Amino acid sequence: MLFDYKAALKNIPHRPGVYQYYDDANELIYIGKAKDLKNRVSSYFNKDNYKVNAKTRVLVSKIRNITFTIVDSEVDAWLLENSLIKKHQPRYNVMLKDDKTYPW
């Protein structure tokens, strides 16, 4: 099953927030933050950025659903991302998984 990222991007606003990627089993595989959700999520599907590294290519190939949470500021997005990663421990989030990193 292919993911229609163009349709998903239509619903994402140009606002700060946190995005979550899910695989075909509806398992949360990645959490990220952005000061502009639409621009950041779009960048994953840009052909030029797709060549960056193998981990990103594999991640993008597994995305089947995208959800997002809008927040008031980039700082709020960073704090929410940090807490969600610690709570859910998504497979493709390598940083912030342990409880040894703290928000500054």
N, C-alpha and C. Protein backbone atom coordinates (compact mmCIF):
# COMPACT_ATOMS: atom_id res chain seq x y z
N MET A 1 0.84 -1.18 0.00
CA MET A 1 0.00 0.00 0.00
C MET A 1 0.89 1.25 0.00
N LEU A 2 0.71 2.12 -0.96
CA LEU A 2 1.47 3.37 -1.02
C LEU A 2 0.77 4.45 -0.23
N PHE A 3 1.56 5.36 0.30
CA PHE A 3 1.04 6.46 1.10
C PHE A 3 0.87 7.69 0.21
N ASP A 4 -0.31 8.28 0.23
CA ASP A 4 -0.59 9.48 -0.55
C ASP A 4 -0.19 10.71 0.28
N TYR A 5 1.09 11.02 0.26
CA TYR A 5 1.59 12.13 1.08
C TYR A 5 1.05 13.48 0.62
N LYS A 6 0.75 13.62 -0.66
CA LYS A 6 0.21 14.90 -1.14
C LYS A 6 -1.15 15.20 -0.52
N ALA A 7 -1.97 14.19 -0.37
CA ALA A 7 -3.27 14.38 0.28
C ALA A 7 -3.09 14.71 1.76
N ALA A 8 -2.15 14.04 2.42
CA ALA A 8 -1.90 14.29 3.84
C ALA A 8 -1.38 15.71 4.06
N LEU A 9 -0.54 16.19 3.15
CA LEU A 9 0.04 17.52 3.31
C LEU A 9 -1.00 18.64 3.19
N LYS A 10 -2.09 18.37 2.50
CA LYS A 10 -3.14 19.38 2.35
C LYS A 10 -3.75 19.78 3.68
N ASN A 11 -3.73 18.87 4.66
CA ASN A 11 -4.34 19.13 5.96
C ASN A 11 -3.38 19.73 6.98
N ILE A 12 -2.11 19.80 6.64
CA ILE A 12 -1.10 20.28 7.60
C ILE A 12 -0.91 21.79 7.44
N PRO A 13 -1.04 22.55 8.53
CA PRO A 13 -0.93 24.01 8.46
C PRO A 13 0.51 24.51 8.56
N HIS A 14 0.71 25.76 8.21
CA HIS A 14 1.99 26.44 8.39
C HIS A 14 2.01 27.02 9.81
N ARG A 15 2.11 26.14 10.79
CA ARG A 15 2.10 26.54 12.21
C ARG A 15 3.14 25.72 12.95
N PRO A 16 3.59 26.18 14.13
CA PRO A 16 4.51 25.36 14.92
C PRO A 16 3.77 24.16 15.51
N GLY A 17 4.51 23.07 15.68
CA GLY A 17 3.88 21.90 16.25
C GLY A 17 4.76 20.67 16.23
N VAL A 18 4.13 19.55 16.52
CA VAL A 18 4.79 18.25 16.56
C VAL A 18 4.06 17.32 15.60
N TYR A 19 4.83 16.57 14.81
CA TYR A 19 4.24 15.62 13.87
C TYR A 19 4.62 14.20 14.27
N GLN A 20 3.73 13.26 13.96
CA GLN A 20 3.96 11.86 14.27
C GLN A 20 3.74 11.04 13.01
N TYR A 21 4.67 10.12 12.75
CA TYR A 21 4.57 9.23 11.61
C TYR A 21 4.22 7.82 12.11
N TYR A 22 3.29 7.17 11.41
CA TYR A 22 2.86 5.82 11.74
C TYR A 22 3.10 4.89 10.56
N ASP A 23 3.36 3.61 10.86
CA ASP A 23 3.57 2.63 9.80
C ASP A 23 2.27 1.91 9.46
N ASP A 24 2.36 0.87 8.63
CA ASP A 24 1.15 0.17 8.17
C ASP A 24 0.45 -0.61 9.29
N ALA A 25 1.12 -0.86 10.40
CA ALA A 25 0.50 -1.51 11.56
C ALA A 25 -0.03 -0.47 12.54
N ASN A 26 -0.03 0.79 12.12
CA ASN A 26 -0.45 1.93 12.94
C ASN A 26 0.41 2.08 14.19
N GLU A 27 1.69 1.68 14.07
CA GLU A 27 2.65 1.85 15.15
C GLU A 27 3.37 3.17 14.95
N LEU A 28 3.52 3.92 16.03
CA LEU A 28 4.21 5.20 15.98
C LEU A 28 5.69 4.93 15.74
N ILE A 29 6.23 5.46 14.63
CA ILE A 29 7.62 5.17 14.30
C ILE A 29 8.53 6.40 14.39
N TYR A 30 7.96 7.61 14.40
CA TYR A 30 8.80 8.80 14.48
C TYR A 30 8.00 9.98 14.98
N ILE A 31 8.64 10.80 15.81
CA ILE A 31 8.06 12.05 16.30
C ILE A 31 9.05 13.16 16.00
N GLY A 32 8.56 14.26 15.45
CA GLY A 32 9.41 15.40 15.16
C GLY A 32 8.72 16.71 15.49
N LYS A 33 9.49 17.78 15.55
CA LYS A 33 8.94 19.10 15.85
C LYS A 33 9.24 20.03 14.69
N ALA A 34 8.51 21.12 14.63
CA ALA A 34 8.75 22.09 13.55
C ALA A 34 8.19 23.45 13.93
N LYS A 35 8.87 24.49 13.45
CA LYS A 35 8.28 25.82 13.61
C LYS A 35 7.27 26.07 12.51
N ASP A 36 7.36 25.30 11.41
CA ASP A 36 6.38 25.32 10.33
C ASP A 36 6.12 23.87 9.93
N LEU A 37 5.04 23.31 10.42
CA LEU A 37 4.75 21.89 10.20
C LEU A 37 4.71 21.50 8.73
N LYS A 38 4.02 22.29 7.92
CA LYS A 38 3.86 21.95 6.50
C LYS A 38 5.22 21.89 5.81
N ASN A 39 6.06 22.90 6.04
CA ASN A 39 7.38 22.91 5.39
C ASN A 39 8.24 21.74 5.84
N ARG A 40 8.21 21.45 7.13
CA ARG A 40 9.06 20.38 7.67
C ARG A 40 8.61 19.02 7.16
N VAL A 41 7.34 18.72 7.26
CA VAL A 41 6.84 17.42 6.81
C VAL A 41 7.04 17.27 5.30
N SER A 42 6.81 18.34 4.56
CA SER A 42 7.02 18.31 3.10
C SER A 42 8.46 17.96 2.75
N SER A 43 9.40 18.41 3.57
CA SER A 43 10.82 18.20 3.27
C SER A 43 11.18 16.71 3.24
N TYR A 44 10.46 15.88 3.97
CA TYR A 44 10.75 14.45 3.95
C TYR A 44 10.44 13.83 2.60
N PHE A 45 9.51 14.41 1.86
CA PHE A 45 9.07 13.85 0.59
C PHE A 45 9.69 14.55 -0.62
N ASN A 46 10.59 15.48 -0.37
CA ASN A 46 11.32 16.19 -1.42
C ASN A 46 12.37 15.24 -1.99
N LYS A 47 12.40 15.08 -3.28
CA LYS A 47 13.32 14.13 -3.91
C LYS A 47 14.78 14.43 -3.58
N ASP A 48 15.17 15.70 -3.48
CA ASP A 48 16.56 16.05 -3.17
C ASP A 48 16.92 15.63 -1.74
N ASN A 49 16.03 15.86 -0.80
CA ASN A 49 16.30 15.50 0.59
C ASN A 49 16.18 14.00 0.82
N TYR A 50 15.46 13.32 -0.04
CA TYR A 50 15.26 11.88 0.09
C TYR A 50 16.57 11.12 -0.01
N LYS A 51 17.57 11.71 -0.70
CA LYS A 51 18.86 11.05 -0.89
C LYS A 51 19.82 11.25 0.28
N VAL A 52 19.42 11.99 1.28
CA VAL A 52 20.34 12.38 2.35
C VAL A 52 20.97 11.20 3.07
N ASN A 53 20.17 10.31 3.65
CA ASN A 53 20.75 9.15 4.32
C ASN A 53 19.80 7.96 4.28
N ALA A 54 20.36 6.80 4.54
CA ALA A 54 19.59 5.56 4.43
C ALA A 54 18.47 5.50 5.47
N LYS A 55 18.73 5.98 6.68
CA LYS A 55 17.72 5.93 7.74
C LYS A 55 16.48 6.71 7.32
N THR A 56 16.68 7.89 6.75
CA THR A 56 15.55 8.71 6.32
C THR A 56 14.80 8.04 5.18
N ARG A 57 15.51 7.45 4.25
CA ARG A 57 14.85 6.74 3.13
C ARG A 57 13.97 5.61 3.65
N VAL A 58 14.48 4.84 4.59
CA VAL A 58 13.71 3.73 5.15
C VAL A 58 12.51 4.26 5.91
N LEU A 59 12.72 5.29 6.72
CA LEU A 59 11.62 5.89 7.48
C LEU A 59 10.51 6.34 6.54
N VAL A 60 10.85 7.11 5.53
CA VAL A 60 9.85 7.64 4.59
C VAL A 60 9.11 6.50 3.88
N SER A 61 9.81 5.43 3.56
CA SER A 61 9.16 4.31 2.87
C SER A 61 8.14 3.60 3.76
N LYS A 62 8.26 3.75 5.06
CA LYS A 62 7.36 3.07 5.99
C LYS A 62 6.16 3.93 6.43
N ILE A 63 6.17 5.22 6.14
CA ILE A 63 5.10 6.11 6.58
C ILE A 63 3.79 5.77 5.88
N ARG A 64 2.72 5.57 6.67
CA ARG A 64 1.40 5.31 6.13
C ARG A 64 0.35 6.28 6.67
N ASN A 65 0.70 7.01 7.72
CA ASN A 65 -0.22 8.00 8.29
C ASN A 65 0.60 9.07 9.01
N ILE A 66 0.09 10.30 8.96
CA ILE A 66 0.74 11.42 9.64
C ILE A 66 -0.31 12.11 10.50
N THR A 67 0.03 12.33 11.76
CA THR A 67 -0.80 13.15 12.62
C THR A 67 0.05 14.30 13.12
N PHE A 68 -0.60 15.32 13.64
CA PHE A 68 0.17 16.47 14.14
C PHE A 68 -0.60 17.14 15.26
N THR A 69 0.15 17.89 16.08
CA THR A 69 -0.41 18.68 17.17
C THR A 69 0.13 20.09 17.02
N ILE A 70 -0.76 21.06 16.94
CA ILE A 70 -0.37 22.45 16.82
C ILE A 70 -0.13 23.02 18.22
N VAL A 71 0.93 23.81 18.36
CA VAL A 71 1.25 24.47 19.62
C VAL A 71 1.47 25.96 19.36
N ASP A 72 1.65 26.74 20.42
CA ASP A 72 1.77 28.18 20.28
C ASP A 72 3.14 28.66 19.81
N SER A 73 4.19 27.92 20.13
CA SER A 73 5.54 28.39 19.79
C SER A 73 6.46 27.22 19.50
N GLU A 74 7.62 27.55 18.96
CA GLU A 74 8.64 26.55 18.67
C GLU A 74 9.15 25.91 19.97
N VAL A 75 9.22 26.69 21.03
CA VAL A 75 9.64 26.16 22.34
C VAL A 75 8.64 25.13 22.84
N ASP A 76 7.35 25.44 22.71
CA ASP A 76 6.32 24.48 23.11
C ASP A 76 6.43 23.20 22.29
N ALA A 77 6.74 23.33 21.01
CA ALA A 77 6.91 22.15 20.15
C ALA A 77 8.08 21.30 20.63
N TRP A 78 9.17 21.95 20.99
CA TRP A 78 10.35 21.23 21.47
C TRP A 78 10.03 20.47 22.75
N LEU A 79 9.35 21.12 23.67
CA LEU A 79 9.00 20.47 24.94
C LEU A 79 8.04 19.29 24.74
N LEU A 80 7.05 19.48 23.88
CA LEU A 80 6.10 18.40 23.59
C LEU A 80 6.80 17.23 22.91
N GLU A 81 7.63 17.52 21.93
CA GLU A 81 8.37 16.47 21.24
C GLU A 81 9.19 15.66 22.24
N ASN A 82 9.91 16.35 23.09
CA ASN A 82 10.75 15.71 24.09
C ASN A 82 9.94 14.75 24.97
N SER A 83 8.81 15.22 25.47
CA SER A 83 8.01 14.37 26.36
C SER A 83 7.37 13.20 25.61
N LEU A 84 6.92 13.42 24.38
CA LEU A 84 6.31 12.34 23.60
C LEU A 84 7.32 11.25 23.23
N ILE A 85 8.54 11.65 22.88
CA ILE A 85 9.57 10.67 22.55
C ILE A 85 9.90 9.81 23.76
N LYS A 86 10.03 10.44 24.91
CA LYS A 86 10.32 9.68 26.12
C LYS A 86 9.17 8.72 26.47
N LYS A 87 7.95 9.16 26.24
CA LYS A 87 6.77 8.35 26.56
C LYS A 87 6.61 7.17 25.60
N HIS A 88 6.72 7.42 24.28
CA HIS A 88 6.40 6.41 23.28
C HIS A 88 7.61 5.65 22.72
N GLN A 89 8.80 6.21 22.84
CA GLN A 89 10.03 5.56 22.37
C GLN A 89 9.93 5.07 20.92
N PRO A 90 9.61 5.97 19.97
CA PRO A 90 9.48 5.53 18.57
C PRO A 90 10.80 4.96 18.02
N ARG A 91 10.66 4.00 17.16
CA ARG A 91 11.81 3.28 16.62
C ARG A 91 12.86 4.18 15.96
N TYR A 92 12.44 5.17 15.20
CA TYR A 92 13.38 5.98 14.43
C TYR A 92 13.84 7.24 15.15
N ASN A 93 13.39 7.48 16.37
CA ASN A 93 13.92 8.57 17.18
C ASN A 93 15.06 8.01 18.02
N VAL A 94 16.27 8.38 17.67
CA VAL A 94 17.43 7.87 18.38
C VAL A 94 17.74 8.76 19.58
N MET A 95 17.68 10.05 19.39
CA MET A 95 17.96 11.00 20.46
C MET A 95 16.73 11.15 21.35
N LEU A 96 16.92 11.62 22.55
CA LEU A 96 15.87 11.96 23.51
C LEU A 96 15.11 10.75 24.06
N LYS A 97 15.50 9.52 23.72
CA LYS A 97 14.78 8.36 24.23
C LYS A 97 15.03 8.10 25.71
N ASP A 98 16.25 8.36 26.15
CA ASP A 98 16.56 8.07 27.54
C ASP A 98 16.10 9.21 28.45
N ASP A 99 16.12 8.96 29.73
CA ASP A 99 15.71 10.00 30.66
C ASP A 99 16.90 10.80 31.17
N LYS A 100 18.04 10.69 30.47
CA LYS A 100 19.23 11.44 30.85
C LYS A 100 19.33 12.79 30.15
N THR A 101 18.48 13.02 29.16
CA THR A 101 18.49 14.31 28.48
C THR A 101 17.34 15.15 29.03
N TYR A 102 17.63 16.40 29.26
CA TYR A 102 16.64 17.28 29.88
C TYR A 102 16.39 18.49 28.99
N PRO A 103 15.19 19.01 29.02
CA PRO A 103 14.93 20.26 28.32
C PRO A 103 15.74 21.39 28.94
N TRP A 104 16.31 22.24 28.13
CA TRP A 104 17.14 23.34 28.64
C TRP A 104 16.31 24.57 28.82
